């Protein structure tokens, strides 16, 4: 799994991109880098493009990952206010499940298959 984190759209949000075969260790490093940038730059919106990331998660693993993310977000200065996650269109069930579980746990995540729609949602919200 490879990833890159930077600033996007005239520095109005953090833009992260990941591709390859998903693994927890690298994903945790990605999340840590995003959270560090949220704190350093004081930018509370994140666009996470994972259309080229390959998953082999069960529903239980996805549920557990949401729980892990909720725990990581307990430090307010490190957390974003809005996260747009752009998934591959081949994973609609998984993406919708992840979004529902995340929102039920109070996480500000929304999933998209279109990156322009994701950016629009991200930039219009507070």
N, C-alpha and C. Protein backbone atom coordinates (compact mmCIF):
# COMPACT_ATOMS: atom_id res chain seq x y z
N UNK A 1 0.86 -1.18 0.00
CA UNK A 1 0.00 0.00 0.00
C UNK A 1 0.89 1.23 0.00
N UNK A 2 0.61 2.14 -0.91
CA UNK A 2 1.31 3.41 -0.99
C UNK A 2 0.31 4.54 -0.71
N UNK A 3 0.81 5.65 -0.16
CA UNK A 3 -0.07 6.79 0.06
C UNK A 3 0.71 8.10 -0.03
N UNK A 4 -0.06 9.17 -0.18
CA UNK A 4 0.50 10.52 -0.23
C UNK A 4 -0.51 11.45 0.44
N UNK A 5 -0.01 12.38 1.23
CA UNK A 5 -0.86 13.34 1.93
C UNK A 5 -0.35 14.75 1.63
N UNK A 6 -1.26 15.65 1.26
CA UNK A 6 -0.87 17.03 0.98
C UNK A 6 -2.07 17.95 1.13
N UNK A 7 -1.90 19.18 0.67
CA UNK A 7 -2.99 20.16 0.73
C UNK A 7 -3.64 20.26 -0.64
N UNK A 8 -4.95 20.47 -0.66
CA UNK A 8 -5.68 20.52 -1.92
C UNK A 8 -6.57 21.74 -2.04
N UNK A 9 -6.96 22.03 -3.29
CA UNK A 9 -7.91 23.12 -3.60
C UNK A 9 -7.56 24.40 -2.84
N UNK A 10 -6.41 24.94 -3.16
CA UNK A 10 -5.96 26.20 -2.55
C UNK A 10 -5.92 26.10 -1.03
N UNK A 11 -5.50 24.93 -0.55
CA UNK A 11 -5.28 24.68 0.88
C UNK A 11 -6.54 24.78 1.73
N UNK A 12 -7.68 24.44 1.15
CA UNK A 12 -8.93 24.45 1.91
C UNK A 12 -9.23 23.09 2.52
N UNK A 13 -8.50 22.06 2.09
CA UNK A 13 -8.66 20.73 2.68
C UNK A 13 -7.37 19.94 2.53
N UNK A 14 -7.27 18.90 3.34
CA UNK A 14 -6.16 17.96 3.24
C UNK A 14 -6.56 16.91 2.23
N UNK A 15 -5.66 16.60 1.31
CA UNK A 15 -5.94 15.62 0.27
C UNK A 15 -5.01 14.43 0.46
N UNK A 16 -5.60 13.27 0.72
CA UNK A 16 -4.82 12.04 0.88
C UNK A 16 -5.23 11.06 -0.21
N UNK A 17 -4.25 10.32 -0.70
CA UNK A 17 -4.46 9.36 -1.78
C UNK A 17 -3.76 8.06 -1.39
N UNK A 18 -4.44 6.94 -1.58
CA UNK A 18 -3.82 5.64 -1.29
C UNK A 18 -4.13 4.67 -2.40
N UNK A 19 -3.16 3.79 -2.69
CA UNK A 19 -3.37 2.77 -3.72
C UNK A 19 -2.59 1.52 -3.35
N UNK A 20 -2.93 0.44 -4.05
CA UNK A 20 -2.28 -0.85 -3.77
C UNK A 20 -3.15 -1.73 -2.90
N UNK A 21 -2.54 -2.70 -2.27
CA UNK A 21 -3.26 -3.64 -1.42
C UNK A 21 -3.30 -3.11 0.01
N UNK A 22 -4.50 -2.95 0.55
CA UNK A 22 -4.68 -2.39 1.89
C UNK A 22 -3.99 -3.26 2.93
N UNK A 23 -3.34 -2.59 3.91
CA UNK A 23 -2.88 -3.29 5.11
C UNK A 23 -2.98 -2.33 6.29
N UNK A 24 -3.24 -2.88 7.44
CA UNK A 24 -3.55 -2.08 8.63
C UNK A 24 -2.39 -1.20 9.06
N UNK A 25 -1.19 -1.71 9.03
CA UNK A 25 -0.03 -0.95 9.50
C UNK A 25 0.17 0.33 8.67
N UNK A 26 0.13 0.19 7.36
CA UNK A 26 0.31 1.36 6.49
C UNK A 26 -0.88 2.29 6.61
N UNK A 27 -2.08 1.74 6.73
CA UNK A 27 -3.27 2.58 6.89
C UNK A 27 -3.18 3.39 8.18
N UNK A 28 -2.69 2.78 9.25
CA UNK A 28 -2.52 3.50 10.50
C UNK A 28 -1.52 4.65 10.35
N UNK A 29 -0.46 4.42 9.58
CA UNK A 29 0.53 5.48 9.31
C UNK A 29 -0.12 6.62 8.53
N UNK A 30 -0.96 6.27 7.56
CA UNK A 30 -1.69 7.28 6.77
C UNK A 30 -2.59 8.11 7.68
N UNK A 31 -3.35 7.45 8.52
CA UNK A 31 -4.26 8.15 9.44
C UNK A 31 -3.46 9.07 10.37
N UNK A 32 -2.34 8.58 10.87
CA UNK A 32 -1.51 9.39 11.77
C UNK A 32 -0.99 10.63 11.04
N UNK A 33 -0.55 10.46 9.79
CA UNK A 33 -0.06 11.61 9.02
C UNK A 33 -1.17 12.62 8.75
N UNK A 34 -2.36 12.14 8.45
CA UNK A 34 -3.50 13.04 8.24
C UNK A 34 -3.80 13.81 9.53
N UNK A 35 -3.84 13.12 10.65
CA UNK A 35 -4.15 13.77 11.93
C UNK A 35 -3.08 14.79 12.31
N UNK A 36 -1.83 14.48 12.02
CA UNK A 36 -0.75 15.42 12.29
C UNK A 36 -0.93 16.68 11.44
N UNK A 37 -1.29 16.49 10.18
CA UNK A 37 -1.49 17.64 9.30
C UNK A 37 -2.71 18.45 9.72
N UNK A 38 -3.77 17.80 10.17
CA UNK A 38 -4.96 18.51 10.68
C UNK A 38 -4.54 19.44 11.81
N UNK A 39 -3.73 18.93 12.72
CA UNK A 39 -3.30 19.75 13.86
C UNK A 39 -2.33 20.85 13.41
N UNK A 40 -1.36 20.51 12.59
CA UNK A 40 -0.34 21.47 12.15
C UNK A 40 -0.91 22.60 11.30
N UNK A 41 -1.77 22.25 10.35
CA UNK A 41 -2.30 23.23 9.40
C UNK A 41 -3.62 23.85 9.85
N UNK A 42 -4.24 23.29 10.89
CA UNK A 42 -5.55 23.75 11.38
C UNK A 42 -6.59 23.71 10.26
N UNK A 43 -6.52 22.68 9.43
CA UNK A 43 -7.49 22.46 8.36
C UNK A 43 -8.34 21.26 8.78
N UNK A 44 -9.65 21.45 8.83
CA UNK A 44 -10.53 20.44 9.41
C UNK A 44 -11.31 19.63 8.39
N UNK A 45 -10.93 19.72 7.12
CA UNK A 45 -11.62 18.96 6.06
C UNK A 45 -10.60 18.07 5.36
N UNK A 46 -11.02 16.83 5.10
CA UNK A 46 -10.12 15.85 4.49
C UNK A 46 -10.82 15.17 3.32
N UNK A 47 -10.10 15.09 2.21
CA UNK A 47 -10.53 14.31 1.05
C UNK A 47 -9.61 13.10 0.97
N UNK A 48 -10.19 11.91 1.11
CA UNK A 48 -9.42 10.67 1.07
C UNK A 48 -9.82 9.90 -0.18
N UNK A 49 -8.89 9.84 -1.13
CA UNK A 49 -9.13 9.16 -2.41
C UNK A 49 -8.54 7.76 -2.34
N UNK A 50 -9.42 6.76 -2.25
CA UNK A 50 -8.96 5.37 -2.17
C UNK A 50 -9.55 4.53 -3.29
N UNK A 51 -9.78 5.17 -4.43
CA UNK A 51 -10.34 4.45 -5.57
C UNK A 51 -9.39 3.37 -6.09
N UNK A 52 -8.10 3.53 -5.88
CA UNK A 52 -7.13 2.55 -6.37
C UNK A 52 -6.63 1.62 -5.27
N UNK A 53 -7.30 1.63 -4.13
CA UNK A 53 -6.92 0.77 -3.02
C UNK A 53 -7.72 -0.53 -3.11
N UNK A 54 -7.04 -1.64 -2.91
CA UNK A 54 -7.68 -2.96 -3.00
C UNK A 54 -7.98 -3.47 -1.60
N UNK A 55 -9.24 -3.81 -1.37
CA UNK A 55 -9.69 -4.29 -0.06
C UNK A 55 -10.08 -5.76 -0.13
N UNK A 56 -9.96 -6.41 1.01
CA UNK A 56 -10.53 -7.75 1.17
C UNK A 56 -11.07 -7.85 2.59
N UNK A 57 -11.89 -6.87 2.96
CA UNK A 57 -12.45 -6.78 4.30
C UNK A 57 -13.78 -7.52 4.40
N UNK A 58 -13.98 -8.15 5.53
CA UNK A 58 -15.31 -8.66 5.84
C UNK A 58 -16.10 -7.51 6.47
N UNK A 59 -17.39 -7.69 6.59
CA UNK A 59 -18.22 -6.68 7.23
C UNK A 59 -17.76 -6.46 8.68
N UNK A 60 -17.41 -7.53 9.38
CA UNK A 60 -16.94 -7.42 10.76
C UNK A 60 -15.65 -6.59 10.82
N UNK A 61 -14.73 -6.82 9.90
CA UNK A 61 -13.48 -6.06 9.88
C UNK A 61 -13.76 -4.58 9.63
N UNK A 62 -14.70 -4.28 8.76
CA UNK A 62 -15.05 -2.88 8.50
C UNK A 62 -15.64 -2.24 9.75
N UNK A 63 -16.49 -2.95 10.44
CA UNK A 63 -17.08 -2.46 11.68
C UNK A 63 -15.99 -2.18 12.71
N UNK A 64 -15.04 -3.10 12.84
CA UNK A 64 -13.95 -2.93 13.80
C UNK A 64 -13.07 -1.74 13.42
N UNK A 65 -12.86 -1.53 12.13
CA UNK A 65 -12.03 -0.40 11.68
C UNK A 65 -12.70 0.92 12.06
N UNK A 66 -14.01 1.00 11.93
CA UNK A 66 -14.72 2.21 12.34
C UNK A 66 -14.53 2.44 13.84
N UNK A 67 -14.62 1.38 14.63
CA UNK A 67 -14.42 1.51 16.07
C UNK A 67 -13.02 2.04 16.37
N UNK A 68 -12.01 1.53 15.66
CA UNK A 68 -10.63 1.99 15.85
C UNK A 68 -10.51 3.48 15.51
N UNK A 69 -11.14 3.90 14.42
CA UNK A 69 -11.08 5.30 14.01
C UNK A 69 -11.75 6.19 15.05
N UNK A 70 -12.83 5.71 15.62
CA UNK A 70 -13.52 6.49 16.65
C UNK A 70 -12.60 6.72 17.85
N UNK A 71 -11.86 5.70 18.24
CA UNK A 71 -10.91 5.82 19.35
C UNK A 71 -9.81 6.83 19.03
N UNK A 72 -9.28 6.78 17.82
CA UNK A 72 -8.21 7.70 17.42
C UNK A 72 -8.68 9.15 17.42
N UNK A 73 -9.96 9.37 17.20
CA UNK A 73 -10.50 10.72 17.08
C UNK A 73 -10.84 11.34 18.44
N UNK A 74 -10.47 10.72 19.53
CA UNK A 74 -10.82 11.26 20.85
C UNK A 74 -9.97 12.46 21.24
N UNK A 75 -8.90 12.73 20.50
CA UNK A 75 -8.08 13.92 20.75
C UNK A 75 -8.59 15.02 19.82
N UNK A 76 -9.37 15.98 20.33
CA UNK A 76 -10.04 16.96 19.47
C UNK A 76 -9.12 17.75 18.54
N UNK A 77 -7.92 18.09 18.97
CA UNK A 77 -7.05 18.91 18.13
C UNK A 77 -6.52 18.15 16.91
N UNK A 78 -6.68 16.82 16.91
CA UNK A 78 -6.17 16.01 15.82
C UNK A 78 -7.26 15.57 14.85
N UNK A 79 -8.49 15.98 15.09
CA UNK A 79 -9.58 15.43 14.29
C UNK A 79 -10.16 16.44 13.32
N UNK A 80 -10.60 15.92 12.21
CA UNK A 80 -11.22 16.73 11.17
C UNK A 80 -12.71 16.87 11.45
N UNK A 81 -13.31 17.85 10.81
CA UNK A 81 -14.74 18.07 10.97
C UNK A 81 -15.54 17.38 9.87
N UNK A 82 -14.95 17.21 8.69
CA UNK A 82 -15.61 16.56 7.55
C UNK A 82 -14.58 15.72 6.81
N UNK A 83 -14.97 14.50 6.48
CA UNK A 83 -14.10 13.63 5.69
C UNK A 83 -14.91 13.06 4.53
N UNK A 84 -14.46 13.36 3.32
CA UNK A 84 -15.06 12.79 2.11
C UNK A 84 -14.16 11.66 1.65
N UNK A 85 -14.71 10.46 1.58
CA UNK A 85 -13.94 9.29 1.17
C UNK A 85 -14.43 8.88 -0.22
N UNK A 86 -13.51 8.83 -1.17
CA UNK A 86 -13.86 8.48 -2.55
C UNK A 86 -13.44 7.04 -2.78
N UNK A 87 -14.44 6.17 -2.94
CA UNK A 87 -14.26 4.73 -3.14
C UNK A 87 -14.39 4.37 -4.61
N UNK A 88 -13.95 3.19 -4.93
CA UNK A 88 -14.18 2.63 -6.26
C UNK A 88 -15.66 2.32 -6.41
N UNK A 89 -16.21 2.54 -7.58
CA UNK A 89 -17.63 2.26 -7.83
C UNK A 89 -17.93 0.77 -7.75
N UNK A 90 -16.91 -0.08 -7.69
CA UNK A 90 -17.13 -1.52 -7.61
C UNK A 90 -17.41 -1.99 -6.18
N UNK A 91 -17.39 -1.08 -5.21
CA UNK A 91 -17.60 -1.45 -3.81
C UNK A 91 -18.79 -0.73 -3.17
N UNK A 92 -19.95 -0.67 -3.82
CA UNK A 92 -21.04 0.13 -3.27
C UNK A 92 -21.57 -0.38 -1.94
N UNK A 93 -21.69 -1.66 -1.77
CA UNK A 93 -22.23 -2.21 -0.52
C UNK A 93 -21.28 -1.91 0.64
N UNK A 94 -20.00 -2.17 0.43
CA UNK A 94 -19.00 -1.94 1.46
C UNK A 94 -18.91 -0.46 1.83
N UNK A 95 -18.91 0.40 0.81
CA UNK A 95 -18.80 1.84 1.05
C UNK A 95 -20.01 2.35 1.83
N UNK A 96 -21.19 1.95 1.43
CA UNK A 96 -22.40 2.40 2.13
C UNK A 96 -22.44 1.88 3.56
N UNK A 97 -22.01 0.64 3.77
CA UNK A 97 -21.96 0.09 5.12
C UNK A 97 -20.99 0.89 5.98
N UNK A 98 -19.81 1.17 5.45
CA UNK A 98 -18.81 1.94 6.18
C UNK A 98 -19.35 3.33 6.55
N UNK A 99 -20.00 3.98 5.61
CA UNK A 99 -20.56 5.31 5.88
C UNK A 99 -21.62 5.24 6.97
N UNK A 100 -22.53 4.29 6.88
CA UNK A 100 -23.60 4.15 7.87
C UNK A 100 -23.05 3.89 9.26
N UNK A 101 -22.13 2.93 9.36
CA UNK A 101 -21.55 2.60 10.67
C UNK A 101 -20.79 3.80 11.22
N UNK A 102 -20.05 4.49 10.37
CA UNK A 102 -19.29 5.67 10.81
C UNK A 102 -20.22 6.75 11.35
N UNK A 103 -21.25 7.06 10.60
CA UNK A 103 -22.17 8.12 11.03
C UNK A 103 -22.94 7.72 12.28
N UNK A 104 -23.26 6.45 12.42
CA UNK A 104 -23.93 5.98 13.64
C UNK A 104 -23.03 6.09 14.86
N UNK A 105 -21.72 6.17 14.65
CA UNK A 105 -20.76 6.29 15.74
C UNK A 105 -20.28 7.74 15.90
N UNK A 106 -20.95 8.66 15.21
CA UNK A 106 -20.63 10.07 15.35
C UNK A 106 -19.43 10.55 14.54
N UNK A 107 -18.99 9.77 13.58
CA UNK A 107 -17.85 10.17 12.75
C UNK A 107 -18.35 10.94 11.53
N UNK A 108 -17.68 12.03 11.16
CA UNK A 108 -18.16 12.88 10.07
C UNK A 108 -17.71 12.41 8.69
N UNK A 109 -17.93 11.15 8.38
CA UNK A 109 -17.48 10.56 7.12
C UNK A 109 -18.64 10.44 6.14
N UNK A 110 -18.34 10.72 4.89
CA UNK A 110 -19.32 10.50 3.83
C UNK A 110 -18.58 9.88 2.65
N UNK A 111 -19.19 8.90 1.99
CA UNK A 111 -18.52 8.22 0.88
C UNK A 111 -19.10 8.66 -0.47
N UNK A 112 -18.23 8.65 -1.46
CA UNK A 112 -18.57 9.05 -2.82
C UNK A 112 -17.85 8.14 -3.80
N UNK A 113 -18.37 8.09 -5.02
CA UNK A 113 -17.63 7.45 -6.11
C UNK A 113 -17.12 8.50 -7.09
N UNK A 114 -17.63 9.71 -7.00
CA UNK A 114 -17.22 10.80 -7.88
C UNK A 114 -16.42 11.82 -7.08
N UNK A 115 -15.18 12.05 -7.48
CA UNK A 115 -14.30 12.94 -6.72
C UNK A 115 -14.78 14.39 -6.75
N UNK A 116 -15.40 14.82 -7.85
CA UNK A 116 -15.90 16.19 -7.91
C UNK A 116 -17.06 16.40 -6.95
N UNK A 117 -17.94 15.42 -6.83
CA UNK A 117 -19.04 15.50 -5.85
C UNK A 117 -18.48 15.54 -4.44
N UNK A 118 -17.45 14.75 -4.19
CA UNK A 118 -16.83 14.72 -2.86
C UNK A 118 -16.24 16.09 -2.51
N UNK A 119 -15.53 16.69 -3.46
CA UNK A 119 -14.95 18.03 -3.23
C UNK A 119 -16.04 19.07 -2.99
N UNK A 120 -17.10 19.00 -3.79
CA UNK A 120 -18.20 19.96 -3.63
C UNK A 120 -18.81 19.85 -2.23
N UNK A 121 -19.08 18.64 -1.77
CA UNK A 121 -19.64 18.43 -0.43
C UNK A 121 -18.68 18.94 0.64
N UNK A 122 -17.42 18.63 0.46
CA UNK A 122 -16.41 19.01 1.44
C UNK A 122 -16.29 20.53 1.56
N UNK A 123 -16.27 21.21 0.43
CA UNK A 123 -16.05 22.66 0.43
C UNK A 123 -17.28 23.47 0.81
N UNK A 124 -18.47 22.90 0.64
CA UNK A 124 -19.66 23.69 1.00
C UNK A 124 -20.02 23.56 2.48
N UNK A 125 -19.49 22.57 3.15
CA UNK A 125 -19.81 22.38 4.56
C UNK A 125 -18.94 23.22 5.47
N UNK A 126 -19.42 23.38 6.68
CA UNK A 126 -18.65 24.18 7.65
C UNK A 126 -17.67 23.33 8.40
